[in-house]
Amino acid sequence: MNITSLEIAQATMDMFFCLFCLIIFVSIKANNPKQKSMRMFVRLFLIATVLFFGETLAYIFRGNLGLFNILVTRIANLMVFAMNIAMANTYVRFVSSVFVEKGAEVSGNSVKIANIFSCINIFIVVVNLFYPWMYYFDEANYYHRNNSWYVYTLILLVVIFIGAGMAIKYRKYLKKRSFISMMLFSFIPIIATVVQSFIYGFSITNLGLGIGSFVMFAAYMYDWSHNGDEHTNMINDSRFDSVIMFIIMLLSMSVSIIACVNVIQQVTKENSEIQSRTIAQMVSAKVENEFIKLITVSQTISSDIDIRTYIEGKTREEAESVKDDITNRLVSIGNEFDYKMVFVVSDKTRAYYTYSGISRYLDVENDSHDIWYKDYLDSGKRYIVNVDTDEDNNGSLSVFINYGIIDTNGDILGVCGVGVDMNDLVDILARFEEEYNIKVYLVNHDGLIQVDTDVSSIETGYLDNSYFGNISDDDFYYQLSENGCYMTKYLEGFDWYIVIRDNNPVKLDVNKIILLLIS
């Protein structure tokens, strides 16, 4: 069953109102009220029960294909629109009968006009079965408004206004609480319907009807509990029934509220995960962009014709003679892209060229600091990312892109690249961590930390890599833990993993908000 958390929340709310109205209908109907106004009152809650039941089905089955799902969705939506008409019309009849019973000289024209407008709306709904001028369903079985929905809604509001107008005209026949309940029953759905015209996807109109029903019932319960007034002696004096019904209503409401809170929590959790993933994607994109610039500059150096010419076939003696030319090219490229830590290594002479000329000659066999060059050759890749100390920059910890220089035959001529001071990367990560309350790591396949704002853990600390096999470079792998949520993604461009811990994975604590509201 394809149903979202928002649809579950709406369906749960509708089901609560459905049960609430059903309980009221059964309880009052059991007392067999004689007055017409009470029969209209009971009918209102019967109609509301069917309306909310139809709304529940509409939200549960929409978006699901198959003959049964499609049939239920169509019938449910038809029920909702038909019951809206019936409820508005019955409300007018209820208001009229209340004032007639209280001795007011009520003209029957208001009810007749309400009947005419109700018939027009019935016509619109029936025609919509054959021509979708009011609403329609798309290929995925989702409901959509059409132009005549606004005509239908306007007519519905007119009918409700007729009832409200009658209540205002004859308000002197009502006690204050009864008049207020009638006004609220009229204007809460009216306001909700106006808002509904601008908001799509959540049934605010029926929420307004449900709240209006609460208000009407509250006024009715008050009259019931004060039985004996000449205008409220409409049913048998049964205080015990009143208490039982009230208990059942509270239990029903409690179950529904608990279900709603659980659903809202689920929605909050899903939305929080979406926000966490959005932050992770943004941070990942910015980090990758920093490395892409490094890779781009390294690629530019490796494809430079002059540099290839300077190192190809040169002996160590000749290496000295071209150092100024190579240095000038490195300075030119470095200045163009605003990088200072640029280098070239000749495979034949092992001369290490930098901004300052030949810094040294690599000794891969005897100098452990030069093992990076052998690691690159053994990798078989065009470029790799390496964390190392930069002897030409006071031994500062740096991240290097080692990019191969290849001749036309595919043979290695040397290695070039760009380095960036680790502190620069740390500053970038630190800004993200402070702004979004996250922690960012860059680690290799073994889980060894390569970049971290805690510099002491670089090349010494490890993260759990047991789940790395489940990770792709398409999206973040999401894990929720007691310490937050961990989002991990493989960065194919430089063969590392980015691990982001969101220290505040639940953006909204529903329980805290509820406690705050009731405290």
Protein backbone atom coordinates (compact mmCIF):
# COMPACT_ATOMS: atom_id res chain seq x y z
CA MET A 1 0.00 0.00 0.00
CA ASN A 2 1.54 3.30 -1.13
CA ILE A 3 0.68 5.79 1.64
CA THR A 4 2.80 8.62 2.99
CA SER A 5 3.10 9.69 6.61
CA LEU A 6 1.17 12.89 5.88
CA GLU A 7 -1.67 10.84 4.43
CA ILE A 8 -1.61 8.59 7.51
CA ALA A 9 -1.84 11.67 9.73
CA GLN A 10 -4.82 12.99 7.76
CA ALA A 11 -6.52 9.58 7.74
CA THR A 12 -5.97 9.21 11.51
CA MET A 13 -7.50 12.60 12.18
CA ASP A 14 -10.48 11.81 9.94
CA MET A 15 -11.01 8.44 11.59
CA PHE A 16 -11.04 10.08 15.02
CA PHE A 17 -13.71 12.56 13.91
CA CYS A 18 -15.62 9.68 12.29
CA LEU A 19 -15.68 7.70 15.56
CA PHE A 20 -16.48 10.80 17.57
CA CYS A 21 -19.48 11.71 15.40
CA LEU A 22 -20.65 8.08 15.32
CA ILE A 23 -20.61 7.87 19.12
CA ILE A 24 -22.61 11.08 19.40
CA PHE A 25 -25.11 9.89 16.80
CA VAL A 26 -25.69 6.49 18.42
CA SER A 27 -25.84 7.88 21.96
CA ILE A 28 -28.36 10.63 21.24
CA LYS A 29 -30.36 8.52 18.79
CA ALA A 30 -30.78 5.87 21.51
CA ASN A 31 -32.71 8.42 23.56
CA ASN A 32 -35.21 8.80 20.69
CA PRO A 33 -35.49 12.61 20.66
CA LYS A 34 -38.91 13.94 19.59
CA GLN A 35 -38.16 17.51 18.55
CA LYS A 36 -37.40 18.15 14.88
CA SER A 37 -34.36 20.24 15.79
CA MET A 38 -32.88 17.31 17.71
CA ARG A 39 -33.57 14.96 14.81
CA MET A 40 -31.73 17.41 12.55
CA PHE A 41 -28.95 17.63 15.14
CA VAL A 42 -28.57 13.84 15.19
CA ARG A 43 -28.68 13.74 11.39
CA LEU A 44 -25.81 16.24 11.27
CA PHE A 45 -23.58 13.81 13.14
CA LEU A 46 -24.66 10.85 11.01
CA ILE A 47 -23.74 12.79 7.87
CA ALA A 48 -20.46 13.86 9.46
CA THR A 49 -19.70 10.21 10.29
CA VAL A 50 -20.11 9.18 6.65
CA LEU A 51 -18.16 12.24 5.49
CA PHE A 52 -15.14 11.53 7.68
CA PHE A 53 -15.25 7.82 6.84
CA GLY A 54 -15.16 8.66 3.14
CA GLU A 55 -12.31 11.11 3.72
CA THR A 56 -10.36 8.39 5.56
CA LEU A 57 -10.75 5.97 2.66
CA ALA A 58 -9.81 8.66 0.16
CA TYR A 59 -6.46 9.30 1.87
CA ILE A 60 -5.67 5.63 2.46
CA PHE A 61 -6.34 4.40 -1.06
CA ARG A 62 -5.25 7.35 -3.20
CA GLY A 63 -2.01 6.93 -5.11
CA ASN A 64 -2.54 3.16 -5.34
CA LEU A 65 -3.34 1.45 -8.61
CA GLY A 66 -5.53 -1.57 -9.22
CA LEU A 67 -9.26 -1.80 -9.87
CA PHE A 68 -10.23 -2.05 -6.19
CA ASN A 69 -8.08 0.92 -5.11
CA ILE A 70 -9.31 3.05 -7.97
CA LEU A 71 -12.95 2.15 -7.28
CA VAL A 72 -12.69 2.85 -3.54
CA THR A 73 -10.96 6.20 -4.20
CA ARG A 74 -13.68 7.33 -6.60
CA ILE A 75 -16.52 6.28 -4.29
CA ALA A 76 -14.83 7.81 -1.24
CA ASN A 77 -14.36 11.20 -2.91
CA LEU A 78 -17.95 11.12 -4.16
CA MET A 79 -19.10 10.42 -0.58
CA VAL A 80 -17.12 13.38 0.74
CA PHE A 81 -18.53 15.90 -1.72
CA ALA A 82 -22.10 14.55 -1.40
CA MET A 83 -21.94 14.61 2.42
CA ASN A 84 -20.59 18.17 2.39
CA ILE A 85 -23.74 19.21 0.51
CA ALA A 86 -25.98 17.22 2.86
CA MET A 87 -24.29 18.61 5.97
CA ALA A 88 -24.60 22.25 4.89
CA ASN A 89 -28.25 21.75 3.93
CA THR A 90 -29.07 19.88 7.15
CA TYR A 91 -27.41 22.62 9.19
CA VAL A 92 -29.78 25.18 7.67
CA ARG A 93 -32.74 22.93 8.52
CA PHE A 94 -31.43 22.46 12.05
CA VAL A 95 -31.09 26.20 12.64
CA SER A 96 -34.56 26.85 11.19
CA SER A 97 -36.22 24.17 13.34
CA VAL A 98 -34.50 25.42 16.52
CA PHE A 99 -35.99 28.89 16.13
CA VAL A 100 -39.41 27.60 15.10
CA GLU A 101 -39.52 25.52 18.29
CA LYS A 102 -38.53 28.58 20.30
CA GLY A 103 -41.46 30.59 18.93
CA ALA A 104 -39.76 32.66 16.23
CA GLU A 105 -41.70 33.41 13.06
CA VAL A 106 -39.20 31.86 10.64
CA SER A 107 -39.84 32.17 6.93
CA GLY A 108 -39.44 29.00 4.91
CA ASN A 109 -37.68 30.90 2.12
CA SER A 110 -34.24 30.43 3.65
CA VAL A 111 -34.59 26.65 3.62
CA LYS A 112 -35.96 26.75 0.06
CA ILE A 113 -33.03 28.85 -1.16
CA ALA A 114 -30.63 26.50 0.59
CA ASN A 115 -32.35 23.57 -1.16
CA ILE A 116 -31.95 25.24 -4.55
CA PHE A 117 -28.23 25.88 -4.06
CA SER A 118 -27.78 22.35 -2.72
CA CYS A 119 -29.43 20.95 -5.85
CA ILE A 120 -27.04 22.98 -8.02
CA ASN A 121 -24.11 21.48 -6.17
CA ILE A 122 -25.59 17.99 -6.53
CA PHE A 123 -25.81 18.65 -10.27
CA ILE A 124 -22.14 19.69 -10.35
CA VAL A 125 -21.06 16.53 -8.49
CA VAL A 126 -23.17 14.23 -10.68
CA VAL A 127 -21.96 15.79 -13.92
CA ASN A 128 -18.38 15.42 -12.67
CA LEU A 129 -18.87 11.64 -12.80
CA PHE A 130 -19.01 11.91 -16.59
CA TYR A 131 -17.04 15.10 -17.22
CA PRO A 132 -14.29 15.99 -14.71
CA TRP A 133 -14.96 19.73 -14.51
CA MET A 134 -14.80 19.75 -10.69
CA TYR A 135 -12.07 17.23 -9.87
CA TYR A 136 -10.23 14.41 -11.59
CA PHE A 137 -7.69 11.65 -10.94
CA ASP A 138 -4.35 11.31 -12.69
CA GLU A 139 -2.68 8.13 -13.95
CA ALA A 140 -1.27 7.45 -10.48
CA ASN A 141 -4.76 7.65 -8.90
CA TYR A 142 -4.17 11.00 -7.21
CA TYR A 143 -6.98 13.53 -6.79
CA HIS A 144 -6.69 16.99 -8.40
CA ARG A 145 -9.01 19.99 -8.36
CA ASN A 146 -10.50 21.42 -11.49
CA ASN A 147 -12.09 24.81 -12.14
CA SER A 148 -15.63 23.95 -11.00
CA TRP A 149 -14.34 23.01 -7.55
CA TYR A 150 -14.31 26.72 -6.76
CA VAL A 151 -17.92 27.08 -7.97
CA TYR A 152 -18.98 24.12 -5.85
CA THR A 153 -17.14 25.52 -2.81
CA LEU A 154 -18.62 29.00 -3.25
CA ILE A 155 -22.16 27.57 -3.39
CA LEU A 156 -21.44 25.46 -0.30
CA LEU A 157 -20.33 28.60 1.55
CA VAL A 158 -23.53 30.38 0.49
CA VAL A 159 -25.63 27.60 2.03
CA ILE A 160 -23.65 27.76 5.29
CA PHE A 161 -23.99 31.57 5.30
CA ILE A 162 -27.78 31.17 5.03
CA GLY A 163 -27.76 29.15 8.26
CA ALA A 164 -25.43 31.64 9.94
CA GLY A 165 -27.62 34.51 8.79
CA MET A 166 -30.71 32.92 10.32
CA ALA A 167 -28.86 32.41 13.62
CA ILE A 168 -27.81 36.08 13.66
CA LYS A 169 -31.31 37.29 12.76
CA TYR A 170 -33.06 35.35 15.53
CA ARG A 171 -30.21 35.35 18.06
CA LYS A 172 -32.46 36.86 20.78
CA TYR A 173 -34.23 33.49 21.05
CA LEU A 174 -30.96 31.74 21.97
CA LYS A 175 -28.85 31.70 25.06
CA LYS A 176 -25.39 33.09 24.56
CA ARG A 177 -23.59 29.74 24.58
CA SER A 178 -25.99 28.24 22.03
CA PHE A 179 -25.64 31.24 19.73
CA ILE A 180 -21.84 31.13 19.95
CA SER A 181 -21.80 27.39 19.19
CA MET A 182 -23.96 27.98 16.08
CA MET A 183 -21.68 30.79 14.93
CA LEU A 184 -18.56 28.71 15.43
CA PHE A 185 -20.13 25.74 13.64
CA SER A 186 -20.82 28.11 10.74
CA PHE A 187 -17.67 30.17 10.56
CA ILE A 188 -14.94 27.66 11.46
CA PRO A 189 -15.71 25.57 8.33
CA ILE A 190 -16.14 28.78 6.31
CA ILE A 191 -12.72 30.08 7.33
CA ALA A 192 -11.22 26.62 6.78
CA THR A 193 -12.76 26.42 3.29
CA VAL A 194 -11.34 29.81 2.33
CA VAL A 195 -7.89 28.70 3.52
CA GLN A 196 -8.37 25.40 1.67
CA SER A 197 -8.68 27.35 -1.58
CA PHE A 198 -5.00 28.29 -1.27
CA ILE A 199 -3.61 25.14 0.37
CA TYR A 200 -3.54 21.78 -1.31
CA GLY A 201 -2.92 18.26 -0.01
CA PHE A 202 -4.43 18.46 3.49
CA SER A 203 -8.18 18.63 4.21
CA ILE A 204 -8.47 21.81 6.24
CA THR A 205 -12.18 22.15 5.43
CA ASN A 206 -13.07 18.84 7.05
CA LEU A 207 -10.78 19.67 9.96
CA GLY A 208 -12.91 22.79 10.41
CA LEU A 209 -16.09 20.67 10.29
CA GLY A 210 -14.65 18.38 12.95
CA ILE A 211 -13.79 21.27 15.25
CA GLY A 212 -17.23 22.78 14.64
CA SER A 213 -18.79 19.46 15.62
CA PHE A 214 -16.81 19.51 18.87
CA VAL A 215 -18.12 22.98 19.65
CA MET A 216 -21.74 22.04 18.89
CA PHE A 217 -21.50 18.92 20.99
CA ALA A 218 -19.89 20.80 23.90
CA ALA A 219 -22.83 23.22 23.97
CA TYR A 220 -25.24 20.29 23.72
CA MET A 221 -23.51 18.45 26.60
CA TYR A 222 -23.79 21.56 28.74
CA ASP A 223 -27.52 21.75 28.10
CA TRP A 224 -27.86 18.05 28.78
CA SER A 225 -26.04 18.28 32.10
CA HIS A 226 -28.37 21.15 33.09
CA ASN A 227 -31.53 19.34 32.09
CA GLY A 228 -34.67 21.01 33.30
CA ASP A 229 -34.57 24.21 31.27
CA GLU A 230 -37.76 24.47 29.24
CA HIS A 231 -35.79 24.68 26.00
CA THR A 232 -33.35 21.86 26.76
CA ASN A 233 -35.73 19.21 28.04
CA MET A 234 -35.44 17.35 24.73
CA ILE A 235 -34.42 13.87 25.89
CA ASN A 236 -34.88 11.57 28.83
CA ASP A 237 -33.11 12.60 32.01
CA SER A 238 -30.23 10.14 31.93
CA ARG A 239 -27.11 11.49 33.60
CA PHE A 240 -25.58 8.02 33.69
CA ASP A 241 -25.81 7.72 29.87
CA SER A 242 -24.21 11.14 29.62
CA VAL A 243 -21.23 10.09 31.72
CA ILE A 244 -20.78 6.81 29.83
CA MET A 245 -20.86 8.59 26.49
CA PHE A 246 -18.38 11.18 27.69
CA ILE A 247 -15.98 8.44 28.89
CA ILE A 248 -16.25 6.63 25.56
CA MET A 249 -15.60 9.87 23.74
CA LEU A 250 -12.51 10.58 25.84
CA LEU A 251 -11.14 7.09 25.26
CA SER A 252 -11.73 7.40 21.52
CA MET A 253 -10.12 10.83 21.46
CA SER A 254 -7.13 9.61 23.51
CA VAL A 255 -6.45 6.69 21.19
CA SER A 256 -6.72 8.92 18.14
CA ILE A 257 -4.48 11.61 19.64
CA ILE A 258 -1.85 9.02 20.55
CA ALA A 259 -2.01 7.65 17.01
CA CYS A 260 -1.73 11.18 15.59
CA VAL A 261 1.26 12.00 17.78
CA ASN A 262 2.99 8.79 16.70
CA VAL A 263 2.34 9.60 13.07
CA ILE A 264 3.55 13.17 13.53
CA GLN A 265 6.69 11.81 15.17
CA GLN A 266 7.22 9.55 12.17
CA VAL A 267 6.70 12.49 9.81
CA THR A 268 9.13 14.54 11.90
CA LYS A 269 11.68 11.74 11.77
CA GLU A 270 11.36 11.44 8.00
CA ASN A 271 11.57 15.20 7.52
CA SER A 272 14.58 15.34 9.86
CA GLU A 273 16.31 12.65 7.82
CA ILE A 274 15.60 14.62 4.65
CA GLN A 275 17.07 17.76 6.23
CA SER A 276 20.12 15.82 7.44
CA ARG A 277 20.64 14.35 3.98
CA THR A 278 20.25 17.79 2.40
CA ILE A 279 22.93 19.23 4.68
CA ALA A 280 25.17 16.24 3.97
CA GLN A 281 24.74 16.62 0.21
CA MET A 282 25.60 20.31 0.38
CA VAL A 283 28.69 19.76 2.53
CA SER A 284 29.80 16.86 0.36
CA ALA A 285 29.40 18.94 -2.81
CA LYS A 286 31.53 21.75 -1.38
CA VAL A 287 34.24 19.35 -0.18
CA GLU A 288 34.29 17.57 -3.52
CA ASN A 289 34.51 20.92 -5.28
CA GLU A 290 37.70 21.74 -3.35
CA PHE A 291 39.29 18.49 -4.50
CA ILE A 292 38.00 18.84 -8.05
CA LYS A 293 39.89 22.14 -8.31
CA LEU A 294 43.04 20.41 -7.11
CA ILE A 295 42.55 17.57 -9.60
CA THR A 296 41.85 20.03 -12.42
CA VAL A 297 45.05 21.98 -11.77
CA SER A 298 47.05 18.73 -11.51
CA GLN A 299 45.60 17.57 -14.81
CA THR A 300 46.54 20.91 -16.37
CA ILE A 301 50.16 20.47 -15.26
CA SER A 302 50.30 16.87 -16.50
CA SER A 303 49.07 17.84 -19.96
CA ASP A 304 51.37 20.84 -20.31
CA ILE A 305 53.47 20.28 -23.45
CA ASP A 306 56.43 22.31 -22.22
CA ILE A 307 56.74 20.38 -18.97
CA ARG A 308 56.57 17.08 -20.79
CA THR A 309 59.33 18.28 -23.11
CA TYR A 310 61.50 19.45 -20.21
CA ILE A 311 61.46 16.10 -18.38
CA GLU A 312 61.24 13.59 -21.24
CA GLY A 313 64.53 11.75 -21.80
CA LYS A 314 66.54 14.10 -19.60
CA THR A 315 69.51 12.90 -17.57
CA ARG A 316 70.22 14.15 -14.06
CA GLU A 317 72.76 16.64 -15.46
CA GLU A 318 70.18 17.90 -17.91
CA ALA A 319 67.62 18.11 -15.13
CA GLU A 320 69.57 20.99 -13.65
CA SER A 321 69.61 22.84 -16.95
CA VAL A 322 65.80 22.88 -17.31
CA LYS A 323 64.95 23.66 -13.70
CA ASP A 324 64.39 27.35 -14.39
CA ASP A 325 62.06 26.58 -17.29
CA ILE A 326 60.01 24.10 -15.25
CA THR A 327 59.96 26.47 -12.26
CA ASN A 328 58.64 29.30 -14.44
CA ARG A 329 55.87 27.06 -15.80
CA LEU A 330 54.89 25.94 -12.30
CA VAL A 331 54.82 29.54 -11.07
CA SER A 332 52.70 30.57 -14.04
CA ILE A 333 50.19 27.74 -13.58
CA GLY A 334 50.15 28.19 -9.80
CA ASN A 335 49.45 31.89 -10.06
CA GLU A 336 46.72 31.30 -12.61
CA PHE A 337 44.83 28.99 -10.24
CA ASP A 338 46.04 30.57 -6.98
CA TYR A 339 48.00 27.56 -5.71
CA LYS A 340 51.55 27.71 -4.35
CA MET A 341 52.19 24.05 -3.57
CA VAL A 342 52.65 22.77 -7.13
CA PHE A 343 55.30 20.22 -8.10
CA VAL A 344 56.67 18.00 -10.84
CA VAL A 345 58.77 14.84 -10.42
CA SER A 346 60.76 13.35 -13.30
CA ASP A 347 60.58 9.57 -13.28
CA LYS A 348 63.99 9.23 -14.92
CA THR A 349 65.97 11.68 -12.81
CA ARG A 350 63.71 11.70 -9.70
CA ALA A 351 64.19 15.47 -9.54
CA TYR A 352 61.47 17.15 -7.43
CA TYR A 353 60.64 20.54 -8.99
CA THR A 354 58.70 23.19 -7.02
CA TYR A 355 58.22 26.98 -7.04
CA SER A 356 61.82 27.27 -5.86
CA GLY A 357 63.51 25.06 -8.43
CA ILE A 358 64.73 21.54 -7.65
CA SER A 359 63.89 20.94 -4.01
CA ARG A 360 65.57 17.52 -3.85
CA TYR A 361 66.02 14.21 -5.62
CA LEU A 362 63.71 11.45 -4.44
CA ASP A 363 65.24 8.36 -2.86
CA VAL A 364 62.35 5.92 -2.77
CA GLU A 365 64.47 3.01 -1.55
CA ASN A 366 66.12 4.74 1.42
CA ASP A 367 63.95 7.71 2.36
CA SER A 368 60.60 6.76 3.95
CA HIS A 369 59.27 10.23 3.21
CA ASP A 370 59.51 9.49 -0.52
CA ILE A 371 57.55 6.25 -0.37
CA TRP A 372 54.53 8.15 -1.71
CA TYR A 373 56.08 8.06 -5.17
CA LYS A 374 56.33 4.26 -5.14
CA ASP A 375 52.78 4.03 -3.80
CA TYR A 376 51.58 6.07 -6.74
CA LEU A 377 53.39 3.89 -9.29
CA ASP A 378 52.06 0.73 -7.65
CA SER A 379 48.47 2.04 -7.62
CA GLY A 380 48.10 1.83 -11.40
CA LYS A 381 45.80 4.88 -11.28
CA ARG A 382 46.11 8.14 -13.15
CA TYR A 383 45.93 10.08 -9.90
CA ILE A 384 45.63 9.45 -6.17
CA VAL A 385 45.07 11.59 -3.09
CA ASN A 386 47.78 11.49 -0.44
CA VAL A 387 48.10 12.99 3.04
CA ASP A 388 51.70 13.84 3.88
CA THR A 389 53.97 16.44 5.45
CA ASP A 390 55.33 19.03 3.07
CA GLU A 391 59.05 19.46 3.59
CA ASP A 392 58.99 22.54 1.40
CA ASN A 393 56.39 24.18 3.64
CA ASN A 394 58.01 23.79 7.08
CA GLY A 395 56.79 20.21 7.37
CA SER A 396 53.13 21.22 7.54
CA LEU A 397 50.54 18.50 7.11
CA SER A 398 49.08 18.72 3.61
CA VAL A 399 46.84 16.94 1.15
CA PHE A 400 48.39 16.25 -2.27
CA ILE A 401 46.97 15.20 -5.61
CA ASN A 402 49.58 13.02 -7.33
CA TYR A 403 48.84 13.00 -11.05
CA GLY A 404 50.76 10.98 -13.62
CA ILE A 405 52.52 12.53 -16.62
CA ILE A 406 52.19 10.09 -19.52
CA ASP A 407 53.93 10.19 -22.93
CA THR A 408 52.29 9.40 -26.25
CA ASN A 409 53.11 5.69 -25.82
CA GLY A 410 51.41 5.53 -22.48
CA ASP A 411 54.67 5.30 -20.52
CA ILE A 412 55.20 7.21 -17.30
CA LEU A 413 57.32 10.33 -17.58
CA GLY A 414 56.79 11.48 -14.02
CA VAL A 415 54.30 12.72 -11.50
CA CYS A 416 52.95 16.19 -10.93
CA GLY A 417 50.37 17.65 -8.65
CA VAL A 418 49.07 20.25 -6.25
CA GLY A 419 49.09 20.33 -2.48
CA VAL A 420 46.84 22.20 -0.09
CA ASP A 421 47.65 22.91 3.51
CA MET A 422 45.59 20.70 5.83
CA ASN A 423 44.69 23.77 7.90
CA ASP A 424 42.87 25.24 4.90
CA LEU A 425 40.69 22.14 4.59
CA VAL A 426 40.18 22.02 8.35
CA ASP A 427 38.94 25.62 8.28
CA ILE A 428 36.39 24.72 5.62
CA LEU A 429 35.11 21.73 7.59
CA ALA A 430 35.08 23.75 10.83
CA ARG A 431 32.72 26.32 9.29
CA PHE A 432 30.32 23.57 8.25
CA GLU A 433 30.49 21.90 11.64
CA GLU A 434 29.77 25.10 13.51
CA GLU A 435 26.98 26.29 11.23
CA TYR A 436 25.07 23.00 10.97
CA ASN A 437 26.02 21.27 14.25
CA ILE A 438 27.66 18.37 12.43
CA LYS A 439 30.96 16.52 12.43
CA VAL A 440 32.75 15.80 9.15
CA TYR A 441 35.39 13.17 8.48
CA LEU A 442 37.23 12.11 5.34
CA VAL A 443 38.52 8.55 5.64
CA ASN A 444 40.08 5.91 3.40
CA HIS A 445 38.88 2.36 2.77
CA ASP A 446 40.38 1.16 6.05
CA GLY A 447 38.51 3.82 8.00
CA LEU A 448 41.77 5.70 8.69
CA ILE A 449 40.97 9.38 9.13
CA GLN A 450 42.55 11.53 6.40
CA VAL A 451 40.96 14.93 7.12
CA ASP A 452 39.45 16.02 10.44
CA THR A 453 39.07 19.26 12.36
CA ASP A 454 40.73 17.37 15.22
CA VAL A 455 44.15 17.36 13.56
CA SER A 456 45.57 14.94 16.15
CA SER A 457 43.36 12.15 14.78
CA ILE A 458 44.57 12.54 11.18
CA GLU A 459 46.45 9.42 10.05
CA THR A 460 46.06 8.00 13.58
CA GLY A 461 42.31 7.64 14.30
CA TYR A 462 39.94 5.10 12.74
CA LEU A 463 36.21 5.01 12.12
CA ASP A 464 34.14 1.85 11.80
CA ASN A 465 34.38 0.68 8.18
CA SER A 466 32.40 -2.54 8.52
CA TYR A 467 29.47 -1.12 6.58
CA PHE A 468 31.48 0.50 3.77
CA GLY A 469 30.54 -2.37 1.47
CA ASN A 470 26.93 -1.15 1.52
CA ILE A 471 27.84 2.35 0.36
CA SER A 472 27.67 3.75 -3.15
CA ASP A 473 28.69 7.07 -4.63
CA ASP A 474 25.08 7.88 -5.60
CA ASP A 475 23.63 8.73 -2.21
CA PHE A 476 24.42 8.82 1.47
CA TYR A 477 24.12 5.69 3.60
CA TYR A 478 22.02 6.75 6.60
CA GLN A 479 22.48 5.29 10.08
CA LEU A 480 20.72 6.50 13.23
CA SER A 481 22.48 5.98 16.56
CA GLU A 482 22.36 7.30 20.13
CA ASN A 483 25.08 9.85 19.29
CA GLY A 484 23.30 11.20 16.23
CA CYS A 485 22.95 10.00 12.69
CA TYR A 486 25.86 9.01 10.48
CA MET A 487 25.72 9.63 6.75
CA THR A 488 28.43 8.07 4.63
CA LYS A 489 29.12 8.40 0.94
CA TYR A 490 31.89 7.11 -1.31
CA LEU A 491 33.73 9.89 -3.14
CA GLU A 492 34.85 8.09 -6.23
CA GLY A 493 36.79 11.09 -7.53
CA PHE A 494 39.50 10.69 -4.90
CA ASP A 495 38.74 7.21 -3.52
CA TRP A 496 37.79 8.33 0.00
CA TYR A 497 34.66 8.23 2.08
CA ILE A 498 33.00 11.28 3.58
CA VAL A 499 31.35 10.55 6.93
CA ILE A 500 29.04 13.20 8.37
CA ARG A 501 27.58 12.91 11.84
CA ASP A 502 24.52 15.07 12.44
CA ASN A 503 24.59 15.89 16.14
CA ASN A 504 20.94 16.95 16.03
CA PRO A 505 19.26 14.31 13.83
CA VAL A 506 15.72 14.97 15.15
CA LYS A 507 15.03 18.59 14.23
CA LEU A 508 11.70 18.72 16.05
CA ASP A 509 10.82 16.91 19.29
CA VAL A 510 7.04 16.47 19.23
CA ASN A 511 6.84 15.31 22.86
CA LYS A 512 8.66 18.41 24.11
CA ILE A 513 6.36 20.67 22.14
CA ILE A 514 3.25 18.94 23.54
CA LEU A 515 4.60 19.17 27.09
CA LEU A 516 5.38 22.85 26.53
CA LEU A 517 1.86 23.54 25.31
CA ILE A 518 0.13 21.85 28.23
CA SER A 519 2.50 23.08 30.95
